[in-house]
Protein backbone atom coordinates (compact mmCIF):
# COMPACT_ATOMS: atom_id res chain seq x y z
CA MET A 1 -7.63 -24.43 11.39
CA THR A 2 -7.26 -21.51 8.80
CA LEU A 3 -11.06 -20.30 10.12
CA ALA A 4 -10.20 -20.54 14.34
CA TRP A 5 -6.62 -18.82 12.70
CA ILE A 6 -9.06 -16.08 10.68
CA GLU A 7 -11.21 -15.46 13.67
CA ALA A 8 -8.50 -15.42 16.28
CA LEU A 9 -6.91 -12.55 14.21
CA GLY A 10 -10.29 -10.62 14.21
CA CYS A 11 -9.95 -7.25 12.65
CA GLU A 12 -6.35 -7.58 12.21
CA VAL A 13 -7.05 -9.05 8.75
CA ALA A 14 -9.40 -8.64 6.22
CA TYR A 15 -10.32 -10.54 2.84
CA THR A 16 -9.93 -8.84 -0.16
CA GLY A 17 -12.65 -9.78 -3.17
CA GLU A 18 -10.79 -8.05 -5.77
CA GLY A 19 -7.33 -9.70 -5.06
CA SER A 20 -8.57 -12.94 -3.52
CA ALA A 21 -6.10 -12.48 -0.63
CA TRP A 22 -6.17 -11.91 3.24
CA THR A 23 -4.54 -8.82 3.88
CA VAL A 24 -2.81 -7.29 7.33
CA SER A 25 -4.79 -4.41 8.71
CA ASP A 26 -2.67 -0.94 8.77
CA GLU A 27 -3.77 -0.53 11.97
CA ALA A 28 -1.74 -3.61 13.28
CA TYR A 29 1.47 -2.76 11.36
CA LEU A 30 1.43 0.47 12.66
CA THR A 31 0.73 -0.84 16.17
CA LEU A 32 3.29 -3.59 15.58
CA TYR A 33 5.58 -0.66 14.56
CA GLU A 34 4.97 1.28 17.31
CA ARG A 35 5.35 -1.30 19.86
CA HIS A 36 8.82 -1.70 18.18
CA ARG A 37 10.14 1.46 17.30
CA SER A 38 13.17 1.27 18.83
CA ASP A 39 13.89 -2.41 17.94
CA PRO A 40 16.63 -2.82 15.37
CA PHE A 41 13.82 -4.79 13.34
CA ALA A 42 11.13 -1.33 13.35
CA GLU A 43 12.28 -0.55 9.57
CA GLU A 44 11.44 -4.14 8.51
CA ILE A 45 8.23 -4.21 10.01
CA LEU A 46 7.50 -0.76 8.51
CA TRP A 47 8.51 -1.78 4.87
CA THR A 48 6.66 -4.55 4.80
CA PHE A 49 3.83 -2.26 5.97
CA ALA A 50 4.88 0.56 2.99
CA SER A 51 5.53 -2.23 0.13
CA GLU A 52 2.54 -4.87 0.83
CA SER A 53 0.07 -4.08 -1.92
CA SER A 54 -3.16 -2.12 -1.06
CA ALA A 55 -4.23 -1.98 -4.53
CA TYR A 56 -6.92 -4.63 -3.62
CA SER A 57 -8.75 -2.66 -1.51
CA CYS A 58 -8.93 0.18 -4.40
CA GLU A 59 -10.86 -1.69 -6.49
CA GLY A 60 -8.98 -0.34 -9.55
CA ASP A 61 -9.20 3.38 -8.61
CA PRO A 62 -5.87 5.08 -9.41
CA VAL A 63 -6.25 8.03 -6.87
CA CYS A 64 -7.04 5.31 -4.16
CA TYR A 65 -4.30 3.57 -5.27
CA VAL A 66 -1.52 6.75 -5.26
CA ASP A 67 -3.24 8.02 -2.15
CA ARG A 68 -2.80 4.51 -0.37
CA ALA A 69 0.51 3.62 -1.87
CA VAL A 70 2.47 6.61 -2.24
CA ASN A 71 0.74 9.24 0.44
CA THR A 72 0.18 6.89 3.27
CA ARG A 73 2.16 3.82 2.92
CA LEU A 74 5.76 4.92 1.27
CA ALA A 75 5.49 8.21 2.82
CA ARG A 76 5.60 7.03 6.41
CA TYR A 77 8.46 5.13 5.29
CA TRP A 78 10.58 8.10 3.83
CA ALA A 79 9.70 9.97 6.82
CA ASP A 80 10.72 7.47 9.13
CA PHE A 81 13.71 6.14 7.76
CA PRO A 82 14.89 8.94 4.87
CA ASP A 83 18.15 6.69 4.60
CA GLY A 84 16.75 3.52 5.34
CA ARG A 85 18.04 -0.02 3.67
CA HIS A 86 14.90 0.05 1.27
CA ILE A 87 14.83 4.18 0.04
CA VAL A 88 15.60 3.05 -3.43
CA GLN A 89 13.45 0.57 -3.88
CA ALA A 90 10.42 3.04 -1.98
CA VAL A 91 11.08 5.74 -4.56
CA GLU A 92 11.13 3.83 -7.54
CA THR A 93 7.95 2.06 -6.02
CA ALA A 94 6.56 5.45 -5.92
CA ARG A 95 7.47 6.40 -9.45
CA THR A 96 6.21 3.29 -10.77
CA VAL A 97 2.48 3.78 -9.23
CA LEU A 98 2.53 7.33 -10.33
CA ALA A 99 3.68 6.58 -14.06
CA GLY A 100 0.51 3.78 -14.43
CA THR A 101 -1.68 6.45 -12.60
CA LEU A 102 -0.67 9.14 -14.86
CA GLU A 103 -0.95 6.24 -17.90
CA GLN A 104 -4.72 5.85 -16.83
CA CYS A 105 -5.66 9.50 -16.27
CA THR A 106 -4.24 10.08 -19.85
CA ALA A 107 -6.05 7.38 -21.81
CA ALA A 108 -9.37 7.97 -19.85
CA ARG A 109 -8.89 11.68 -21.08
CA ALA A 110 -7.87 10.97 -24.66
CA SER A 111 -11.17 8.28 -24.34
CA VAL A 112 -13.63 11.34 -23.35
CA ARG A 113 -12.00 13.26 -26.13
CA ARG A 114 -12.84 10.80 -28.91
CA HIS A 115 -16.29 10.37 -27.59
CA ALA A 116 -16.69 14.04 -27.50
CA ARG A 117 -16.14 14.55 -31.26
């Protein structure tokens, strides 16, 4: 049954080995959002897209994660719903992602400096 469901969805879903999870494609979310853009639930569709983790496909690459989570997903939510119900959470999520990335970069830089000595 599960296999038939996955096959029926085709390229709308993808399995990520790193996250061991099935995810909905960005294109499927955005197509659904555009189709219902004027409906009252459009914000919830876009928020689900914005807040769903895309880290699984980044395989630990912090630059990729910032680009996908902040630049692609959260920024789209901010642009379309600057006064949206989830704007505070969106900003906090972006802050957390950026802070984590900065920590990783700082640690990597310190490691390089230690090994260079």
